[in-house]
Amino acid sequence: MKGHPLFLPPDQAAIHPRLVWAANRFWMETENLKSRRYGGESHHHWYVLLFLMKAFKVLLRITGQYERGARNAWDIVLREIDLWLPRLPPAFEGFEILHLSDLHLDGMPGLEDKVAASLGGREFDLCVLTGDYRTELHGPIRPTLDRLGRLVQGLRSRHGFLGVLGNHDGCHMVAPMEAMGIRMLVNESVEIERGGERVQLIGTDDVHYYFSDQAVHALEQAGPSFSIALVHSPEIYELAGQTGVDLYLCGHCHGGQVCLPGGRAILKHLSRGRRLYKGVWTHRDMLGVTSCGVGTSGIPVRFNTRGEILALTLRRGPRAWRVAP
């Protein structure tokens, strides 16, 4: 194909960054490799985790707590949060973002209908999805994609849908998700314009298991304009704060999912930023929100924490936040 970047002379050839990312991600997935920014590479030991989850599930059934935990998992709250941000362009005052994270749709069949019903046809300015659309780590993705497609069809968003991948999601999910209308940000950024002003949204691949320098380069593109980072986990918060990101939206931790009384998490699944496992937080001049997730991971139960759908309203003013009771 004359003029195509893959067929140019060597001194002019260019490989699209997505091809580089896809090759690297596919290799890590097939080799069960885990890569973290400061932790090097290692192999997943899924069989140990699967054994522990099965043992915990048996224990819950023996003690009669499984049904209670399953009921808790379906007790999902629509949480309204106002965020005051000093650099927010005036035209974006009152901009509403629907934030959905950790849906794990194959783990709780029918969850997509629960989410849509909870919103009651409400329209948002933007919907962002911060990864982990499925529970299974390998195998068919069609059941998850079908449920995700039904969910997207049932939601209303003026500026559409933006998504990033989580550590449970495969690189082969990007194309079908974009085909259903979700603009996937694979270490990329887009801008939204409103009233002649713009905000930048930067999305990275999962940095918990599949970290690469492309995620760093994406965040380094944060320009002088107001920017929002979409990342599956909070673990790269320090870099985002250094590059001038204003708002960091993430999930991954499920608020602990199984917590001690009072909501104290037993497991946070974070290598860095362990204090950021849920709620609204700050770092330098950046505001962050870590969703407790909509669905559940591993076993469809929750104890002393709730799944949540986040409705975020952006306000212009000194940095602060308010969570509706």
Protein backbone atom coordinates (compact mmCIF):
# COMPACT_ATOMS: atom_id res chain seq x y z
CA MET A 1 0.00 0.00 0.00
CA LYS A 2 1.82 3.09 -1.27
CA GLY A 3 2.24 5.75 1.36
CA HIS A 4 1.12 3.55 4.26
CA PRO A 5 3.42 4.10 7.29
CA LEU A 6 4.21 0.38 7.54
CA PHE A 7 5.47 0.31 3.93
CA LEU A 8 7.62 3.42 3.85
CA PRO A 9 11.42 3.29 3.46
CA PRO A 10 13.21 2.42 6.74
CA ASP A 11 14.26 6.00 7.39
CA GLN A 12 10.63 7.14 7.09
CA ALA A 13 8.80 4.15 8.51
CA ALA A 14 6.61 4.59 11.57
CA ILE A 15 4.84 1.93 13.60
CA HIS A 16 1.61 3.04 15.21
CA PRO A 17 1.97 3.12 19.02
CA ARG A 18 -1.08 0.88 19.38
CA LEU A 19 0.68 -1.88 17.45
CA VAL A 20 3.68 -1.66 19.77
CA TRP A 21 1.38 -1.72 22.78
CA ALA A 22 -0.70 -4.64 21.47
CA ALA A 23 2.36 -6.79 20.76
CA ASN A 24 3.80 -6.13 24.22
CA ARG A 25 0.46 -6.62 26.01
CA PHE A 26 -0.31 -9.85 24.13
CA TRP A 27 3.10 -11.24 25.06
CA MET A 28 2.60 -10.40 28.75
CA GLU A 29 -0.88 -11.95 28.74
CA THR A 30 0.18 -15.21 27.09
CA GLU A 31 3.25 -15.55 29.31
CA ASN A 32 1.30 -14.63 32.48
CA LEU A 33 3.77 -11.85 33.10
CA LYS A 34 3.23 -9.04 35.55
CA SER A 35 5.07 -5.73 35.07
CA ARG A 36 5.10 -2.85 37.56
CA ARG A 37 6.89 0.46 37.39
CA TYR A 38 9.25 -0.18 40.30
CA GLY A 39 8.84 -3.93 40.64
CA GLY A 40 10.27 -5.37 37.42
CA GLU A 41 8.67 -8.42 35.82
CA SER A 42 7.40 -11.59 37.48
CA HIS A 43 4.96 -14.38 36.73
CA HIS A 44 1.37 -14.55 37.94
CA HIS A 45 0.58 -17.41 40.26
CA TRP A 46 -3.12 -17.63 39.48
CA TYR A 47 -3.46 -21.17 40.81
CA VAL A 48 -2.63 -20.01 44.35
CA LEU A 49 -5.18 -17.18 44.17
CA LEU A 50 -7.86 -19.45 42.70
CA PHE A 51 -7.28 -22.03 45.44
CA LEU A 52 -7.59 -19.40 48.16
CA MET A 53 -10.80 -18.01 46.66
CA LYS A 54 -12.36 -21.47 46.44
CA ALA A 55 -11.38 -22.19 50.03
CA PHE A 56 -12.89 -18.88 51.18
CA LYS A 57 -16.10 -19.61 49.28
CA VAL A 58 -16.39 -23.00 50.99
CA LEU A 59 -15.81 -21.35 54.37
CA LEU A 60 -18.56 -18.81 53.69
CA ARG A 61 -21.01 -21.57 52.80
CA ILE A 62 -20.11 -23.64 55.85
CA THR A 63 -20.62 -20.65 58.14
CA GLY A 64 -23.84 -19.60 56.41
CA GLN A 65 -22.43 -16.22 55.36
CA TYR A 66 -22.34 -16.70 51.59
CA GLU A 67 -25.97 -15.64 50.98
CA ARG A 68 -25.51 -12.57 53.15
CA GLY A 69 -22.39 -11.58 51.23
CA ALA A 70 -24.19 -12.10 47.91
CA ARG A 71 -27.05 -9.82 49.02
CA ASN A 72 -24.51 -7.20 50.03
CA ALA A 73 -22.94 -7.37 46.56
CA TRP A 74 -26.25 -6.38 44.96
CA ASP A 75 -26.75 -3.47 47.40
CA ILE A 76 -25.19 -0.91 45.06
CA VAL A 77 -25.38 2.80 45.83
CA LEU A 78 -25.52 5.73 43.40
CA ARG A 79 -23.06 8.11 45.05
CA GLU A 80 -23.17 11.83 44.21
CA ILE A 81 -19.86 13.68 44.60
CA ASP A 82 -19.17 17.37 43.95
CA LEU A 83 -15.54 18.17 43.11
CA TRP A 84 -14.16 21.73 43.27
CA LEU A 85 -11.14 22.24 41.01
CA PRO A 86 -9.36 25.59 40.69
CA ARG A 87 -8.23 25.17 37.05
CA LEU A 88 -11.55 23.94 35.70
CA PRO A 89 -12.52 26.05 32.65
CA PRO A 90 -15.63 28.15 33.41
CA ALA A 91 -17.54 26.55 30.52
CA PHE A 92 -17.29 23.20 32.32
CA GLU A 93 -18.92 24.40 35.54
CA GLY A 94 -21.48 21.75 36.51
CA PHE A 95 -20.08 19.17 34.04
CA GLU A 96 -21.42 15.75 35.12
CA ILE A 97 -19.38 12.56 34.73
CA LEU A 98 -20.74 9.06 35.22
CA HIS A 99 -17.85 6.96 36.51
CA LEU A 100 -18.20 3.17 36.30
CA SER A 101 -15.35 0.92 37.41
CA ASP A 102 -14.81 -2.80 37.99
CA LEU A 103 -18.09 -4.01 36.51
CA HIS A 104 -16.95 -7.67 36.27
CA LEU A 105 -20.13 -8.34 34.30
CA ASP A 106 -19.57 -12.08 33.90
CA GLY A 107 -19.39 -12.51 37.67
CA MET A 108 -22.83 -11.05 38.40
CA PRO A 109 -25.23 -11.74 35.49
CA GLY A 110 -27.88 -9.05 35.26
CA LEU A 111 -25.67 -6.36 36.78
CA GLU A 112 -25.93 -4.29 33.60
CA ASP A 113 -29.71 -4.05 34.09
CA LYS A 114 -29.24 -3.09 37.74
CA VAL A 115 -26.93 -0.22 36.78
CA ALA A 116 -29.23 1.11 34.08
CA ALA A 117 -32.25 0.91 36.39
CA SER A 118 -30.37 2.73 39.17
CA LEU A 119 -29.76 5.69 36.85
CA GLY A 120 -33.37 5.88 35.69
CA GLY A 121 -32.58 7.35 32.28
CA ARG A 122 -30.52 10.22 33.71
CA GLU A 123 -28.29 11.94 31.15
CA PHE A 124 -24.67 12.79 31.89
CA ASP A 125 -22.18 14.95 30.04
CA LEU A 126 -19.67 12.09 29.86
CA CYS A 127 -19.39 8.46 30.90
CA VAL A 128 -15.97 7.04 31.80
CA LEU A 129 -15.21 3.37 32.42
CA THR A 130 -11.99 2.58 34.28
CA GLY A 131 -11.46 -1.09 33.57
CA ASP A 132 -12.14 -4.67 34.67
CA TYR A 133 -15.20 -5.42 32.57
CA ARG A 134 -14.92 -9.16 33.26
CA THR A 135 -13.96 -11.49 36.10
CA GLU A 136 -12.38 -14.33 34.16
CA LEU A 137 -8.78 -13.80 33.13
CA HIS A 138 -8.82 -16.10 30.12
CA GLY A 139 -11.37 -17.65 27.80
CA PRO A 140 -14.36 -16.30 25.83
CA ILE A 141 -15.09 -12.59 26.05
CA ARG A 142 -18.39 -12.58 24.14
CA PRO A 143 -20.68 -12.95 27.21
CA THR A 144 -19.00 -9.94 28.86
CA LEU A 145 -19.10 -7.87 25.68
CA ASP A 146 -22.78 -8.65 25.09
CA ARG A 147 -23.64 -7.46 28.60
CA LEU A 148 -21.45 -4.39 28.24
CA GLY A 149 -23.15 -3.57 24.94
CA ARG A 150 -26.58 -3.73 26.59
CA LEU A 151 -25.35 -1.47 29.38
CA VAL A 152 -23.99 1.15 26.97
CA GLN A 153 -27.25 1.14 25.04
CA GLY A 154 -29.13 1.84 28.27
CA LEU A 155 -27.00 4.84 29.29
CA ARG A 156 -27.22 8.46 28.13
CA SER A 157 -24.06 10.53 27.68
CA ARG A 158 -23.84 13.76 25.67
CA HIS A 159 -20.12 13.41 24.90
CA GLY A 160 -20.15 9.63 24.63
CA PHE A 161 -18.11 6.98 26.41
CA LEU A 162 -14.40 6.77 27.23
CA GLY A 163 -12.76 3.64 28.58
CA VAL A 164 -9.46 2.10 29.67
CA LEU A 165 -8.45 -1.49 30.29
CA GLY A 166 -8.01 -3.15 33.68
CA ASN A 167 -5.87 -6.07 34.74
CA HIS A 168 -8.71 -8.55 34.04
CA ASP A 169 -9.18 -7.29 30.47
CA GLY A 170 -7.40 -8.62 27.39
CA CYS A 171 -5.90 -6.50 24.62
CA HIS A 172 -8.28 -8.19 22.14
CA MET A 173 -11.22 -6.45 23.86
CA VAL A 174 -10.29 -2.99 22.57
CA ALA A 175 -11.61 -3.34 19.00
CA PRO A 176 -15.05 -4.78 19.89
CA MET A 177 -15.50 -2.21 22.66
CA GLU A 178 -14.78 0.59 20.22
CA ALA A 179 -17.21 -1.00 17.77
CA MET A 180 -19.98 -0.61 20.38
CA GLY A 181 -19.22 3.10 20.79
CA ILE A 182 -16.68 3.23 23.63
CA ARG A 183 -13.62 5.31 22.73
CA MET A 184 -10.78 3.36 24.31
CA LEU A 185 -7.78 5.37 25.47
CA VAL A 186 -4.76 3.10 25.10
CA ASN A 187 -2.06 5.37 26.50
CA GLU A 188 -3.70 8.16 24.53
CA SER A 189 -5.57 11.41 25.09
CA VAL A 190 -8.58 13.22 23.68
CA GLU A 191 -10.07 16.66 24.21
CA ILE A 192 -13.64 17.69 24.86
CA GLU A 193 -14.74 21.17 23.86
CA ARG A 194 -17.53 23.13 25.50
CA GLY A 195 -18.31 26.80 25.07
CA GLY A 196 -15.04 27.39 23.27
CA GLU A 197 -12.96 25.87 26.10
CA ARG A 198 -11.38 22.43 26.39
CA VAL A 199 -10.45 19.73 28.85
CA GLN A 200 -7.99 16.95 28.13
CA LEU A 201 -8.66 13.33 29.09
CA ILE A 202 -5.68 10.97 29.27
CA GLY A 203 -6.16 7.21 29.51
CA THR A 204 -3.50 4.60 30.24
CA ASP A 205 -3.36 0.85 30.07
CA ASP A 206 -3.54 -0.99 33.41
CA VAL A 207 -0.49 -0.11 35.51
CA HIS A 208 -1.02 -2.76 38.21
CA TYR A 209 -0.06 -5.79 36.10
CA TYR A 210 0.68 -4.40 32.64
CA PHE A 211 2.76 -1.31 33.23
CA SER A 212 4.82 0.01 30.31
CA ASP A 213 6.65 3.24 29.57
CA GLN A 214 3.81 4.14 27.19
CA ALA A 215 1.66 4.90 30.23
CA VAL A 216 4.33 7.31 31.46
CA HIS A 217 4.56 8.99 28.07
CA ALA A 218 0.77 9.38 27.95
CA LEU A 219 0.66 11.20 31.30
CA GLU A 220 3.59 13.37 30.26
CA GLN A 221 1.35 14.77 27.52
CA ALA A 222 -0.70 16.62 30.13
CA GLY A 223 -0.56 20.14 28.79
CA PRO A 224 -1.37 23.56 30.20
CA SER A 225 -5.10 22.90 29.84
CA PHE A 226 -7.19 21.22 32.51
CA SER A 227 -6.65 17.43 32.41
CA ILE A 228 -8.29 14.30 33.76
CA ALA A 229 -6.44 10.97 33.97
CA LEU A 230 -8.33 7.71 33.58
CA VAL A 231 -6.30 4.83 35.02
CA HIS A 232 -7.47 1.47 36.30
CA SER A 233 -5.61 1.70 39.62
CA PRO A 234 -4.25 4.60 41.70
CA GLU A 235 -0.69 3.25 41.60
CA ILE A 236 0.73 5.83 39.21
CA TYR A 237 -0.66 8.80 41.13
CA GLU A 238 2.77 10.29 41.88
CA LEU A 239 3.65 10.65 38.21
CA ALA A 240 0.23 12.09 37.38
CA GLY A 241 0.69 14.71 40.08
CA GLN A 242 4.13 15.59 38.77
CA THR A 243 2.93 16.04 35.19
CA GLY A 244 0.16 18.45 36.17
CA VAL A 245 -2.95 16.26 35.99
CA ASP A 246 -5.86 17.95 37.77
CA LEU A 247 -8.20 15.01 38.41
CA TYR A 248 -7.34 11.28 38.63
CA LEU A 249 -10.17 8.76 38.30
CA CYS A 250 -9.56 5.08 39.04
CA GLY A 251 -10.85 1.93 40.73
CA HIS A 252 -9.36 -1.58 41.02
CA CYS A 253 -9.46 -2.05 44.80
CA HIS A 254 -13.24 -2.59 45.28
CA GLY A 255 -12.94 -0.66 48.53
CA GLY A 256 -11.46 -3.88 49.90
CA GLN A 257 -14.61 -5.87 48.96
CA VAL A 258 -14.28 -8.04 52.08
CA CYS A 259 -13.56 -5.69 54.97
CA LEU A 260 -13.44 -5.75 58.73
CA PRO A 261 -16.22 -3.96 60.66
CA GLY A 262 -15.92 -0.25 60.05
CA GLY A 263 -14.86 -0.80 56.44
CA ARG A 264 -11.18 -1.48 57.09
CA ALA A 265 -9.81 -3.38 54.11
CA ILE A 266 -8.01 -6.68 54.59
CA LEU A 267 -6.58 -6.73 51.06
CA LYS A 268 -6.04 -3.65 48.88
CA HIS A 269 -4.20 -5.20 45.90
CA LEU A 270 -1.89 -2.21 45.59
CA SER A 271 1.89 -2.06 45.38
CA ARG A 272 1.93 1.73 45.84
CA GLY A 273 -0.46 4.33 47.20
CA ARG A 274 -2.19 1.97 49.62
CA ARG A 275 -3.96 4.85 51.38
CA LEU A 276 -5.73 5.63 48.10
CA TYR A 277 -7.75 2.41 47.93
CA LYS A 278 -11.12 4.16 48.12
CA GLY A 279 -12.84 7.54 48.19
CA VAL A 280 -11.66 11.07 47.38
CA TRP A 281 -8.04 11.95 48.03
CA THR A 282 -5.39 14.56 47.21
CA HIS A 283 -1.79 14.50 46.06
CA ARG A 284 0.09 17.73 45.45
CA ASP A 285 -2.31 19.92 43.44
CA MET A 286 -4.25 16.91 42.12
CA LEU A 287 -7.61 15.59 43.28
CA GLY A 288 -8.29 11.87 42.95
CA VAL A 289 -11.28 9.55 43.21
CA THR A 290 -10.92 5.80 43.69
CA SER A 291 -14.21 4.02 43.05
CA CYS A 292 -15.19 1.04 45.20
CA GLY A 293 -16.36 -0.53 41.94
CA VAL A 294 -19.76 -1.66 40.79
CA GLY A 295 -19.24 -5.42 40.64
CA THR A 296 -17.16 -7.93 42.56
CA SER A 297 -13.94 -9.80 41.83
CA GLY A 298 -13.43 -13.51 42.35
CA ILE A 299 -16.42 -14.31 44.55
CA PRO A 300 -19.66 -12.29 44.15
CA VAL A 301 -19.83 -11.20 47.79
CA ARG A 302 -19.15 -8.07 49.80
CA PHE A 303 -18.76 -7.49 53.52
CA ASN A 304 -18.61 -4.08 55.22
CA THR A 305 -18.34 -2.20 51.91
CA ARG A 306 -20.76 -1.33 49.10
CA GLY A 307 -20.54 -1.32 45.35
CA GLU A 308 -21.00 2.14 43.92
CA ILE A 309 -21.94 4.04 40.80
CA LEU A 310 -20.31 7.47 40.90
CA ALA A 311 -21.99 10.63 39.64
CA LEU A 312 -19.28 13.31 39.69
CA THR A 313 -20.12 16.98 39.25
CA LEU A 314 -17.20 19.30 38.46
CA ARG A 315 -17.19 22.75 40.07
CA ARG A 316 -14.80 25.65 39.68
CA GLY A 317 -13.22 26.87 42.92
CA PRO A 318 -10.63 26.15 45.60
CA ARG A 319 -9.90 22.43 45.82
CA ALA A 320 -12.53 20.66 47.89
CA TRP A 321 -15.18 17.95 47.64
CA ARG A 322 -18.55 16.99 49.01
CA VAL A 323 -20.00 13.47 49.09
CA ALA A 324 -23.77 13.36 49.33
CA PRO A 325 -24.96 11.27 52.31
